[in-house]
Amino acid sequence: MFRPANKDEVAVALRAANEKRTKAGALDLSALDRVLQHTPEDMTVTVEAGITLGRLQAALAERGQWLPMDPPNSEGLTIATLLCENVSGPRRFGFGTIRDHLIGLQVALADGRLIRSGGKVVKNVAGFDLLKLFVGSRGTLGVIVEATFKLLPRPATEHFVGARCSSPEECHQAIDAVLESELTPVVLDCYRADANRSGGFVVLGFSGTYEEVDWQLSRAGKLGFSESATLDYDRQFWTETSGPVHHWSVLPSRLTEVIREIGNTPFVARAGNGMLYCRGGPAPAKPLLPVSLLRRVKETFDPHQILADLPE
């Protein structure tokens, strides 16, 4: 594994592999770990892609700001991995994915060129919007070396409550009640940690000012969300090593159907987004990918196939 000291060394390594028509070796970007520019008044930050999300959040917290992302194992997750894998966590329902906060990107292409897309300000309409093409690309189109994000103020408080449900249908009713109410949770999850239970536990998370959160907690209580909750269920699920994780992505209205289909298998679901993860149980059908389009894009950016291969 090659550990480049800077982005220029990344470009040189890719150019050499491209000229030889050989696969580029694995790159360790841990040396690219600087916060390049934080402008608190504009609520933007530019970082090198090897910095971990944990270190970035700690630096932003000193000025009362944060990047509203909470993927699994975020302390050690690099910004490059966050972008390449497009991972997210429980707060996805309220804050979206990393794509929603990305405003600028620098990438080393397969031929060694360093290109930029977007900029360092929130209102930026110059050039083609290529940066989102690289989010979730899993390293198949280039190596991300630098990124710029728009930030949010850290909330004054955050609180989690839940409702225990005895069946998938009861979970569905609880979720629907939230979606049809005036509540605006940042977390709307459902999980089952015990294989001996057939229902689940629906979790709501609220953040903001103390007044906003108190008001929402009061309304949530009237809908039956009276138990105190935390996000420990999510951490526990992702630290398990008992087997491969199956991932379902469906319309939120179909989530109950999937919960029934997996039986009593423990799971964690982003109920508001229609995403469910479980260990064991039946595997979902493989999604139909636009293979021809993916290949055309891949061939445009990496004609000699030196970068990671497309998924099967």
C-alpha atoms as a PDB file:
ATOM      1  CA  MET A   1       0.000   0.000   0.000  1.00  0.00           C
ATOM      2  CA  PHE A   2       1.340   3.420  -1.016  1.00  0.00           C
ATOM      3  CA  ARG A   3       1.046   6.286   1.499  1.00  0.00           C
ATOM      4  CA  PRO A   4       1.299   9.560  -0.435  1.00  0.00           C
ATOM      5  CA  ALA A   5       2.431  12.632   1.504  1.00  0.00           C
ATOM      6  CA  ASN A   6       0.240  15.011  -0.490  1.00  0.00           C
ATOM      7  CA  LYS A   7      -2.222  15.171  -3.362  1.00  0.00           C
ATOM      8  CA  ASP A   8       0.531  15.663  -5.948  1.00  0.00           C
ATOM      9  CA  GLU A   9       1.994  12.274  -5.005  1.00  0.00           C
ATOM     10  CA  VAL A  10      -1.470  10.761  -5.462  1.00  0.00           C
ATOM     11  CA  ALA A  11      -1.590  12.216  -8.969  1.00  0.00           C
ATOM     12  CA  VAL A  12       1.927  10.967  -9.800  1.00  0.00           C
ATOM     13  CA  ALA A  13       1.081   7.436  -8.638  1.00  0.00           C
ATOM     14  CA  LEU A  14      -2.068   7.314 -10.762  1.00  0.00           C
ATOM     15  CA  ARG A  15      -0.299   8.749 -13.794  1.00  0.00           C
ATOM     16  CA  ALA A  16       2.412   6.087 -13.542  1.00  0.00           C
ATOM     17  CA  ALA A  17      -0.147   3.276 -13.294  1.00  0.00           C
ATOM     18  CA  ASN A  18      -2.107   4.713 -16.214  1.00  0.00           C
ATOM     19  CA  GLU A  19       0.970   4.895 -18.433  1.00  0.00           C
ATOM     20  CA  LYS A  20       1.858   1.278 -17.617  1.00  0.00           C
ATOM     21  CA  ARG A  21      -1.787   0.156 -18.030  1.00  0.00           C
ATOM     22  CA  THR A  22      -1.648  -1.557 -14.633  1.00  0.00           C
ATOM     23  CA  LYS A  23      -4.013  -1.425 -11.696  1.00  0.00           C
ATOM     24  CA  ALA A  24      -3.277   1.380  -9.272  1.00  0.00           C
ATOM     25  CA  GLY A  25      -2.308  -0.039  -5.893  1.00  0.00           C
ATOM     26  CA  ALA A  26      -4.203   0.725  -2.727  1.00  0.00           C
ATOM     27  CA  LEU A  27      -3.622   4.257  -1.415  1.00  0.00           C
ATOM     28  CA  ASP A  28      -3.386   5.179   2.246  1.00  0.00           C
ATOM     29  CA  LEU A  29      -4.535   8.816   2.472  1.00  0.00           C
ATOM     30  CA  SER A  30      -3.903   9.166   6.200  1.00  0.00           C
ATOM     31  CA  ALA A  31      -1.176  11.784   5.612  1.00  0.00           C
ATOM     32  CA  LEU A  32      -3.720  14.047   3.891  1.00  0.00           C
ATOM     33  CA  ASP A  33      -5.368  14.969   7.168  1.00  0.00           C
ATOM     34  CA  ARG A  34      -5.463  18.755   7.403  1.00  0.00           C
ATOM     35  CA  VAL A  35      -8.305  21.223   7.818  1.00  0.00           C
ATOM     36  CA  LEU A  36      -7.309  23.583   5.017  1.00  0.00           C
ATOM     37  CA  GLN A  37      -9.821  26.364   5.593  1.00  0.00           C
ATOM     38  CA  HIS A  38     -12.646  26.855   8.076  1.00  0.00           C
ATOM     39  CA  THR A  39     -14.703  29.999   7.625  1.00  0.00           C
ATOM     40  CA  PRO A  40     -17.145  30.044  10.565  1.00  0.00           C
ATOM     41  CA  GLU A  41     -18.963  33.176   9.393  1.00  0.00           C
ATOM     42  CA  ASP A  42     -19.746  31.497   6.058  1.00  0.00           C
ATOM     43  CA  MET A  43     -20.281  28.109   7.732  1.00  0.00           C
ATOM     44  CA  THR A  44     -17.980  26.291   5.309  1.00  0.00           C
ATOM     45  CA  VAL A  45     -14.922  24.092   5.706  1.00  0.00           C
ATOM     46  CA  THR A  46     -12.357  22.673   3.274  1.00  0.00           C
ATOM     47  CA  VAL A  47     -10.417  19.569   4.291  1.00  0.00           C
ATOM     48  CA  GLU A  48      -8.043  16.998   2.911  1.00  0.00           C
ATOM     49  CA  ALA A  49      -9.759  13.686   2.285  1.00  0.00           C
ATOM     50  CA  GLY A  50      -7.645  11.628   4.680  1.00  0.00           C
ATOM     51  CA  ILE A  51      -8.854  13.411   7.812  1.00  0.00           C
ATOM     52  CA  THR A  52     -11.255  11.382   9.943  1.00  0.00           C
ATOM     53  CA  LEU A  53     -14.776  12.571  10.560  1.00  0.00           C
ATOM     54  CA  GLY A  54     -14.114  12.407  14.294  1.00  0.00           C
ATOM     55  CA  ARG A  55     -11.172  14.814  14.069  1.00  0.00           C
ATOM     56  CA  LEU A  56     -13.097  17.147  11.795  1.00  0.00           C
ATOM     57  CA  GLN A  57     -16.100  17.262  14.128  1.00  0.00           C
ATOM     58  CA  ALA A  58     -13.836  18.010  17.092  1.00  0.00           C
ATOM     59  CA  ALA A  59     -12.233  20.924  15.237  1.00  0.00           C
ATOM     60  CA  LEU A  60     -15.604  22.320  14.142  1.00  0.00           C
ATOM     61  CA  ALA A  61     -17.059  21.975  17.653  1.00  0.00           C
ATOM     62  CA  GLU A  62     -14.563  24.567  18.899  1.00  0.00           C
ATOM     63  CA  ARG A  63     -16.541  27.132  16.903  1.00  0.00           C
ATOM     64  CA  GLY A  64     -19.963  25.691  17.689  1.00  0.00           C
ATOM     65  CA  GLN A  65     -20.464  24.035  14.294  1.00  0.00           C
ATOM     66  CA  TRP A  66     -20.628  20.521  12.850  1.00  0.00           C
ATOM     67  CA  LEU A  67     -21.016  18.507   9.678  1.00  0.00           C
ATOM     68  CA  PRO A  68     -24.366  16.762  10.289  1.00  0.00           C
ATOM     69  CA  MET A  69     -23.215  13.249   9.451  1.00  0.00           C
ATOM     70  CA  ASP A  70     -23.248  10.277  11.853  1.00  0.00           C
ATOM     71  CA  PRO A  71     -22.297   7.109   9.900  1.00  0.00           C
ATOM     72  CA  PRO A  72     -21.203   3.939  11.704  1.00  0.00           C
ATOM     73  CA  ASN A  73     -17.722   4.096  13.241  1.00  0.00           C
ATOM     74  CA  SER A  74     -17.509   7.794  12.411  1.00  0.00           C
ATOM     75  CA  GLU A  75     -14.558   8.469  14.729  1.00  0.00           C
ATOM     76  CA  GLY A  76     -12.167   6.562  12.477  1.00  0.00           C
ATOM     77  CA  LEU A  77     -13.966   7.021   9.151  1.00  0.00           C
ATOM     78  CA  THR A  78     -12.095   9.209   6.659  1.00  0.00           C
ATOM     79  CA  ILE A  79     -13.786  11.884   4.599  1.00  0.00           C
ATOM     80  CA  ALA A  80     -12.677  10.004   1.468  1.00  0.00           C
ATOM     81  CA  THR A  81     -14.524   6.880   2.609  1.00  0.00           C
ATOM     82  CA  LEU A  82     -17.547   8.889   3.703  1.00  0.00           C
ATOM     83  CA  LEU A  83     -17.813  10.336   0.198  1.00  0.00           C
ATOM     84  CA  CYS A  84     -16.859   7.230  -1.795  1.00  0.00           C
ATOM     85  CA  GLU A  85     -19.265   4.969   0.092  1.00  0.00           C
ATOM     86  CA  ASN A  86     -21.972   7.628   0.661  1.00  0.00           C
ATOM     87  CA  VAL A  87     -22.591   6.215   4.135  1.00  0.00           C
ATOM     88  CA  SER A  88     -24.993   7.797   6.619  1.00  0.00           C
ATOM     89  CA  GLY A  89     -26.499   7.191  10.038  1.00  0.00           C
ATOM     90  CA  PRO A  90     -29.658   7.681  12.125  1.00  0.00           C
ATOM     91  CA  ARG A  91     -29.758  11.455  11.577  1.00  0.00           C
ATOM     92  CA  ARG A  92     -30.093  10.960   7.827  1.00  0.00           C
ATOM     93  CA  PHE A  93     -33.836  11.539   8.084  1.00  0.00           C
ATOM     94  CA  GLY A  94     -33.386  15.085   9.336  1.00  0.00           C
ATOM     95  CA  PHE A  95     -30.140  16.131   7.673  1.00  0.00           C
ATOM     96  CA  GLY A  96     -29.853  14.091   4.480  1.00  0.00           C
ATOM     97  CA  THR A  97     -26.686  12.475   3.137  1.00  0.00           C
ATOM     98  CA  ILE A  98     -23.194  13.837   2.573  1.00  0.00           C
ATOM     99  CA  ARG A  99     -24.219  14.746  -0.981  1.00  0.00           C
ATOM    100  CA  ASP A 100     -26.546  17.399   0.482  1.00  0.00           C
ATOM    101  CA  HIS A 101     -23.675  19.156   2.276  1.00  0.00           C
ATOM    102  CA  LEU A 102     -20.919  18.880  -0.327  1.00  0.00           C
ATOM    103  CA  ILE A 103     -20.201  22.096  -2.256  1.00  0.00           C
ATOM    104  CA  GLY A 104     -16.722  21.498  -3.661  1.00  0.00           C
ATOM    105  CA  LEU A 105     -14.419  18.624  -4.531  1.00  0.00           C
ATOM    106  CA  GLN A 106     -10.912  18.009  -5.833  1.00  0.00           C
ATOM    107  CA  VAL A 107     -10.193  14.634  -7.424  1.00  0.00           C
ATOM    108  CA  ALA A 108      -7.121  12.954  -8.880  1.00  0.00           C
ATOM    109  CA  LEU A 109      -8.233  11.288 -12.111  1.00  0.00           C
ATOM    110  CA  ALA A 110      -6.851   8.056 -13.519  1.00  0.00           C
ATOM    111  CA  ASP A 111      -4.494   9.916 -15.889  1.00  0.00           C
ATOM    112  CA  GLY A 112      -2.994  11.944 -13.025  1.00  0.00           C
ATOM    113  CA  ARG A 113      -4.868  15.177 -13.598  1.00  0.00           C
ATOM    114  CA  LEU A 114      -6.133  17.046 -10.531  1.00  0.00           C
ATOM    115  CA  ILE A 115      -9.553  18.542 -11.229  1.00  0.00           C
ATOM    116  CA  ARG A 116     -11.940  20.670  -9.184  1.00  0.00           C
ATOM    117  CA  SER A 117     -15.715  20.805  -9.247  1.00  0.00           C
ATOM    118  CA  GLY A 118     -17.838  23.222  -7.290  1.00  0.00           C
ATOM    119  CA  GLY A 119     -16.196  25.795  -5.054  1.00  0.00           C
ATOM    120  CA  LYS A 120     -15.697  27.043  -1.511  1.00  0.00           C
ATOM    121  CA  VAL A 121     -18.885  29.061  -1.148  1.00  0.00           C
ATOM    122  CA  VAL A 122     -22.460  27.840  -0.752  1.00  0.00           C
ATOM    123  CA  LYS A 123     -23.834  29.734  -3.777  1.00  0.00           C
ATOM    124  CA  ASN A 124     -21.768  28.370  -6.631  1.00  0.00           C
ATOM    125  CA  VAL A 125     -23.076  27.763 -10.152  1.00  0.00           C
ATOM    126  CA  ALA A 126     -19.827  27.774 -12.142  1.00  0.00           C
ATOM    127  CA  GLY A 127     -19.114  24.853 -14.468  1.00  0.00           C
ATOM    128  CA  PHE A 128     -20.600  21.370 -14.632  1.00  0.00           C
ATOM    129  CA  ASP A 129     -21.858  19.886 -11.364  1.00  0.00           C
ATOM    130  CA  LEU A 130     -19.537  16.886 -11.498  1.00  0.00           C
ATOM    131  CA  LEU A 131     -18.845  16.616  -7.800  1.00  0.00           C
ATOM    132  CA  LYS A 132     -21.944  14.573  -6.985  1.00  0.00           C
ATOM    133  CA  LEU A 133     -20.923  12.020  -9.601  1.00  0.00           C
ATOM    134  CA  PHE A 134     -18.041  10.999  -7.348  1.00  0.00           C
ATOM    135  CA  VAL A 135     -20.197  10.580  -4.230  1.00  0.00           C
ATOM    136  CA  GLY A 136     -20.863   6.862  -3.871  1.00  0.00           C
ATOM    137  CA  SER A 137     -18.537   6.005  -6.779  1.00  0.00           C
ATOM    138  CA  ARG A 138     -16.466   3.652  -4.548  1.00  0.00           C
ATOM    139  CA  GLY A 139     -13.183   4.783  -6.056  1.00  0.00           C
ATOM    140  CA  THR A 140     -14.091   3.695  -9.583  1.00  0.00           C
ATOM    141  CA  LEU A 141     -13.779   7.161 -11.185  1.00  0.00           C
ATOM    142  CA  GLY A 142     -10.937   8.868  -9.329  1.00  0.00           C
ATOM    143  CA  VAL A 143      -9.330   9.473  -5.940  1.00  0.00           C
ATOM    144  CA  ILE A 144     -10.920  12.208  -3.839  1.00  0.00           C
ATOM    145  CA  VAL A 145      -8.188  14.327  -2.246  1.00  0.00           C
ATOM    146  CA  GLU A 146     -10.023  17.419  -0.982  1.00  0.00           C
ATOM    147  CA  ALA A 147     -13.602  18.431  -0.180  1.00  0.00           C
ATOM    148  CA  THR A 148     -15.557  21.521   0.875  1.00  0.00           C
ATOM    149  CA  PHE A 149     -18.746  21.311   2.931  1.00  0.00           C
ATOM    150  CA  LYS A 150     -21.432  23.636   4.180  1.00  0.00           C
ATOM    151  CA  LEU A 151     -21.935  23.332   7.930  1.00  0.00           C
ATOM    152  CA  LEU A 152     -24.649  23.788  10.547  1.00  0.00           C
ATOM    153  CA  PRO A 153     -24.603  25.262  14.053  1.00  0.00           C
ATOM    154  CA  ARG A 154     -24.427  22.607  16.756  1.00  0.00           C
ATOM    155  CA  PRO A 155     -27.890  22.208  18.331  1.00  0.00           C
ATOM    156  CA  ALA A 156     -28.372  23.467  21.864  1.00  0.00           C
ATOM    157  CA  THR A 157     -29.861  20.123  22.877  1.00  0.00           C
ATOM    158  CA  GLU A 158     -30.889  16.751  21.513  1.00  0.00           C
ATOM    159  CA  HIS A 159     -33.292  14.189  22.943  1.00  0.00           C
ATOM    160  CA  PHE A 160     -34.487  10.717  21.945  1.00  0.00           C
ATOM    161  CA  VAL A 161     -37.738   8.949  22.783  1.00  0.00           C
ATOM    162  CA  GLY A 162     -39.308   5.708  21.620  1.00  0.00           C
ATOM    163  CA  ALA A 163     -42.400   3.536  21.418  1.00  0.00           C
ATOM    164  CA  ARG A 164     -42.369  -0.243  21.821  1.00  0.00           C
ATOM    165  CA  CYS A 165     -44.437  -2.079  19.228  1.00  0.00           C
ATOM    166  CA  SER A 166     -45.603  -5.696  19.380  1.00  0.00           C
ATOM    167  CA  SER A 167     -45.862  -6.295  15.623  1.00  0.00           C
ATOM    168  CA  PRO A 168     -44.691  -4.900  12.269  1.00  0.00           C
ATOM    169  CA  GLU A 169     -48.173  -3.441  11.763  1.00  0.00           C
ATOM    170  CA  GLU A 170     -47.923  -1.576  15.051  1.00  0.00           C
ATOM    171  CA  CYS A 171     -44.541  -0.195  13.976  1.00  0.00           C
ATOM    172  CA  HIS A 172     -46.127   0.976  10.739  1.00  0.00           C
ATOM    173  CA  GLN A 173     -48.931   2.738  12.623  1.00  0.00           C
ATOM    174  CA  ALA A 174     -46.461   4.499  14.919  1.00  0.00           C
ATOM    175  CA  ILE A 175     -44.307   5.653  11.993  1.00  0.00           C
ATOM    176  CA  ASP A 176     -47.335   6.851  10.031  1.00  0.00           C
ATOM    177  CA  ALA A 177     -48.589   8.803  13.046  1.00  0.00           C
ATOM    178  CA  VAL A 178     -45.273  10.690  13.152  1.00  0.00           C
ATOM    179  CA  LEU A 179     -45.199  11.366   9.416  1.00  0.00           C
ATOM    180  CA  GLU A 180     -48.744  12.711   9.471  1.00  0.00           C
ATOM    181  CA  SER A 181     -48.125  14.937  12.497  1.00  0.00           C
ATOM    182  CA  GLU A 182     -46.485  18.357  12.798  1.00  0.00           C
ATOM    183  CA  LEU A 183     -43.350  16.772  14.278  1.00  0.00           C
ATOM    184  CA  THR A 184     -40.002  17.278  12.538  1.00  0.00           C
ATOM    185  CA  PRO A 185     -37.652  14.647  14.006  1.00  0.00           C
ATOM    186  CA  VAL A 186     -34.049  14.387  12.883  1.00  0.00           C
ATOM    187  CA  VAL A 187     -34.159  10.643  13.642  1.00  0.00           C
ATOM    188  CA  LEU A 188     -36.986   8.299  12.654  1.00  0.00           C
ATOM    189  CA  ASP A 189     -35.682   4.775  13.122  1.00  0.00           C
ATOM    190  CA  CYS A 190     -37.082   1.371  13.934  1.00  0.00           C
ATOM    191  CA  TYR A 191     -35.084  -1.537  15.291  1.00  0.00           C
ATOM    192  CA  ARG A 192     -35.305  -5.005  16.806  1.00  0.00           C
ATOM    193  CA  ALA A 193     -32.380  -6.258  18.869  1.00  0.00           C
ATOM    194  CA  ASP A 194     -33.994  -9.452  20.163  1.00  0.00           C
ATOM    195  CA  ALA A 195     -34.657 -12.334  17.766  1.00  0.00           C
ATOM    196  CA  ASN A 196     -37.315 -13.626  20.162  1.00  0.00           C
ATOM    197  CA  ARG A 197     -39.567 -10.618  19.548  1.00  0.00           C
ATOM    198  CA  SER A 198     -41.736 -10.077  16.496  1.00  0.00           C
ATOM    199  CA  GLY A 199     -42.247  -6.323  16.715  1.00  0.00           C
ATOM    200  CA  GLY A 200     -39.786  -3.499  17.135  1.00  0.00           C
ATOM    201  CA  PHE A 201     -38.941  -0.232  18.811  1.00  0.00           C
ATOM    202  CA  VAL A 202     -39.555   3.051  16.972  1.00  0.00           C
ATOM    203  CA  VAL A 203     -37.124   5.841  17.883  1.00  0.00           C
ATOM    204  CA  LEU A 204     -37.557   9.579  17.417  1.00  0.00           C
ATOM    205  CA  GLY A 205     -34.781  12.119  17.817  1.00  0.00           C
ATOM    206  CA  PHE A 206     -35.253  15.869  18.168  1.00  0.00           C
ATOM    207  CA  SER A 207     -32.594  18.583  18.131  1.00  0.00           C
ATOM    208  CA  GLY A 208     -32.558  22.363  18.236  1.00  0.00           C
ATOM    209  CA  THR A 209     -33.226  24.942  20.915  1.00  0.00           C
ATOM    210  CA  TYR A 210     -34.504  23.818  24.316  1.00  0.00           C
ATOM    211  CA  GLU A 211     -37.924  25.329  23.560  1.00  0.00           C
ATOM    212  CA  GLU A 212     -38.218  23.565  20.194  1.00  0.00           C
ATOM    213  CA  VAL A 213     -37.206  20.193  21.595  1.00  0.00           C
ATOM    214  CA  ASP A 214     -39.497  20.476  24.644  1.00  0.00           C
ATOM    215  CA  TRP A 215     -42.444  21.306  22.380  1.00  0.00           C
ATOM    216  CA  GLN A 216     -41.755  18.324  20.120  1.00  0.00           C
ATOM    217  CA  LEU A 217     -41.281  15.949  23.047  1.00  0.00           C
ATOM    218  CA  SER A 218     -44.652  17.021  24.390  1.00  0.00           C
ATOM    219  CA  ARG A 219     -46.352  16.310  21.052  1.00  0.00           C
ATOM    220  CA  ALA A 220     -44.492  13.012  20.655  1.00  0.00           C
ATOM    221  CA  GLY A 221     -45.697  11.914  24.084  1.00  0.00           C
ATOM    222  CA  LYS A 222     -49.272  12.333  22.950  1.00  0.00           C
ATOM    223  CA  LEU A 223     -48.545   9.906  20.093  1.00  0.00           C
ATOM    224  CA  GLY A 224     -47.292   7.266  22.522  1.00  0.00           C
ATOM    225  CA  PHE A 225     -43.552   8.004  22.380  1.00  0.00           C
ATOM    226  CA  SER A 226     -43.016   8.015  26.123  1.00  0.00           C
ATOM    227  CA  GLU A 227     -39.950   5.804  26.675  1.00  0.00           C
ATOM    228  CA  SER A 228     -36.499   7.361  26.956  1.00  0.00           C
ATOM    229  CA  ALA A 229     -34.152   6.211  24.183  1.00  0.00           C
ATOM    230  CA  THR A 230     -30.576   6.519  22.917  1.00  0.00           C
ATOM    231  CA  LEU A 231     -28.724   5.633  19.719  1.00  0.00           C
ATOM    232  CA  ASP A 232     -26.907   2.733  21.369  1.00  0.00           C
ATOM    233  CA  TYR A 233     -28.874   0.250  19.265  1.00  0.00           C
ATOM    234  CA  ASP A 234     -27.196   1.569  16.121  1.00  0.00           C
ATOM    235  CA  ARG A 235     -23.681   1.420  17.564  1.00  0.00           C
ATOM    236  CA  GLN A 236     -24.270  -2.101  18.836  1.00  0.00           C
ATOM    237  CA  PHE A 237     -25.571  -3.297  15.485  1.00  0.00           C
ATOM    238  CA  TRP A 238     -22.552  -2.027  13.554  1.00  0.00           C
ATOM    239  CA  THR A 239     -20.009  -3.353  16.049  1.00  0.00           C
ATOM    240  CA  GLU A 240     -21.419  -6.887  15.754  1.00  0.00           C
ATOM    241  CA  THR A 241     -19.353  -9.318  13.697  1.00  0.00           C
ATOM    242  CA  SER A 242     -21.729 -12.271  13.620  1.00  0.00           C
ATOM    243  CA  GLY A 243     -22.310 -12.275   9.873  1.00  0.00           C
ATOM    244  CA  PRO A 244     -22.726 -10.234   6.699  1.00  0.00           C
ATOM    245  CA  VAL A 245     -25.138  -7.301   6.680  1.00  0.00           C
ATOM    246  CA  HIS A 246     -28.052  -7.449   4.258  1.00  0.00           C
ATOM    247  CA  HIS A 247     -29.256  -4.077   3.005  1.00  0.00           C
ATOM    248  CA  TRP A 248     -32.780  -3.370   1.819  1.00  0.00           C
ATOM    249  CA  SER A 249     -33.802  -0.113   0.171  1.00  0.00           C
ATOM    250  CA  VAL A 250     -37.529   0.257  -0.438  1.00  0.00           C
ATOM    251  CA  LEU A 251     -40.260   2.859  -0.356  1.00  0.00           C
ATOM    252  CA  PRO A 252     -40.945   3.795   3.289  1.00  0.00           C
ATOM    253  CA  SER A 253     -44.489   2.542   2.788  1.00  0.00           C
ATOM    254  CA  ARG A 254     -43.070  -0.951   2.077  1.00  0.00           C
ATOM    255  CA  LEU A 255     -40.901  -1.154   5.177  1.00  0.00           C
ATOM    256  CA  THR A 256     -43.476  -3.146   7.164  1.00  0.00           C
ATOM    257  CA  GLU A 257     -43.594  -5.702   4.347  1.00  0.00           C
ATOM    258  CA  VAL A 258     -39.816  -6.184   4.557  1.00  0.00           C
ATOM    259  CA  ILE A 259     -39.909  -6.498   8.372  1.00  0.00           C
ATOM    260  CA  ARG A 260     -42.462  -9.298   7.985  1.00  0.00           C
ATOM    261  CA  GLU A 261     -40.361 -10.924   5.268  1.00  0.00           C
ATOM    262  CA  ILE A 262     -37.203 -11.170   7.400  1.00  0.00           C
ATOM    263  CA  GLY A 263     -39.102 -12.870  10.234  1.00  0.00           C
ATOM    264  CA  ASN A 264     -37.647 -12.378  13.713  1.00  0.00           C
ATOM    265  CA  THR A 265     -34.191 -11.399  12.458  1.00  0.00           C
ATOM    266  CA  PRO A 266     -32.713  -8.436  14.388  1.00  0.00           C
ATOM    267  CA  PHE A 267     -32.541  -5.293  12.270  1.00  0.00           C
ATOM    268  CA  VAL A 268     -31.998  -1.548  12.202  1.00  0.00           C
ATOM    269  CA  ALA A 269     -34.124   0.521   9.833  1.00  0.00           C
ATOM    270  CA  ARG A 270     -34.071   4.147   8.749  1.00  0.00           C
ATOM    271  CA  ALA A 271     -37.847   4.093   8.837  1.00  0.00           C
ATOM    272  CA  GLY A 272     -38.295   7.537   7.336  1.00  0.00           C
ATOM    273  CA  ASN A 273     -36.029   6.696   4.392  1.00  0.00           C
ATOM    274  CA  GLY A 274     -37.032   3.082   3.682  1.00  0.00           C
ATOM    275  CA  MET A 275     -33.601   1.578   4.406  1.00  0.00           C
ATOM    276  CA  LEU A 276     -33.233  -1.590   6.488  1.00  0.00           C
ATOM    277  CA  TYR A 277     -30.128  -3.473   7.606  1.00  0.00           C
ATOM    278  CA  CYS A 278     -30.114  -6.955   9.134  1.00  0.00           C
ATOM    279  CA  ARG A 279     -27.659  -9.733   9.944  1.00  0.00           C
ATOM    280  CA  GLY A 280     -28.912 -13.127   8.819  1.00  0.00           C
ATOM    281  CA  GLY A 281     -32.314 -13.869   7.383  1.00  0.00           C
ATOM    282  CA  PRO A 282     -33.109 -13.819   3.666  1.00  0.00           C
ATOM    283  CA  ALA A 283     -30.956 -11.689   1.392  1.00  0.00           C
ATOM    284  CA  PRO A 284     -32.720  -9.062  -0.726  1.00  0.00           C
ATOM    285  CA  ALA A 285     -32.838  -9.375  -4.483  1.00  0.00           C
ATOM    286  CA  LYS A 286     -29.947  -7.619  -6.204  1.00  0.00           C
ATOM    287  CA  PRO A 287     -30.974  -4.174  -7.465  1.00  0.00           C
ATOM    288  CA  LEU A 288     -31.182  -3.624 -11.198  1.00  0.00           C
ATOM    289  CA  LEU A 289     -28.308  -1.303 -12.064  1.00  0.00           C
ATOM    290  CA  PRO A 290     -28.001   0.796 -15.257  1.00  0.00           C
ATOM    291  CA  VAL A 291     -24.957  -1.251 -16.240  1.00  0.00           C
ATOM    292  CA  SER A 292     -24.454   0.237 -19.708  1.00  0.00           C
ATOM    293  CA  LEU A 293     -24.546   3.793 -18.334  1.00  0.00           C
ATOM    294  CA  LEU A 294     -22.146   2.920 -15.510  1.00  0.00           C
ATOM    295  CA  ARG A 295     -19.713   1.411 -17.997  1.00  0.00           C
ATOM    296  CA  ARG A 296     -19.840   4.467 -20.255  1.00  0.00           C
ATOM    297  CA  VAL A 297     -19.080   6.781 -17.343  1.00  0.00           C
ATOM    298  CA  LYS A 298     -16.314   4.459 -16.125  1.00  0.00           C
ATOM    299  CA  GLU A 299     -14.718   4.314 -19.568  1.00  0.00           C
ATOM    300  CA  THR A 300     -14.813   8.116 -19.822  1.00  0.00           C
ATOM    301  CA  PHE A 301     -12.981   8.676 -16.553  1.00  0.00           C
ATOM    302  CA  ASP A 302     -10.861   5.507 -16.464  1.00  0.00           C
ATOM    303  CA  PRO A 303     -10.440   4.130 -20.011  1.00  0.00           C
ATOM    304  CA  HIS A 304      -7.532   1.848 -19.043  1.00  0.00           C
ATOM    305  CA  GLN A 305      -9.367   0.440 -16.000  1.00  0.00           C
ATOM    306  CA  ILE A 306      -6.607   1.179 -13.487  1.00  0.00           C
ATOM    307  CA  LEU A 307      -8.999   2.133 -10.675  1.00  0.00           C
ATOM    308  CA  ALA A 308     -11.453  -0.003  -8.692  1.00  0.00           C
ATOM    309  CA  ASP A 309     -13.787  -2.157 -10.773  1.00  0.00           C
ATOM    310  CA  LEU A 310     -17.492  -1.520 -11.052  1.00  0.00           C
ATOM    311  CA  PRO A 311     -19.718  -3.651  -8.776  1.00  0.00           C
ATOM    312  CA  GLU A 312     -21.078  -6.815 -10.325  1.00  0.00           C
END
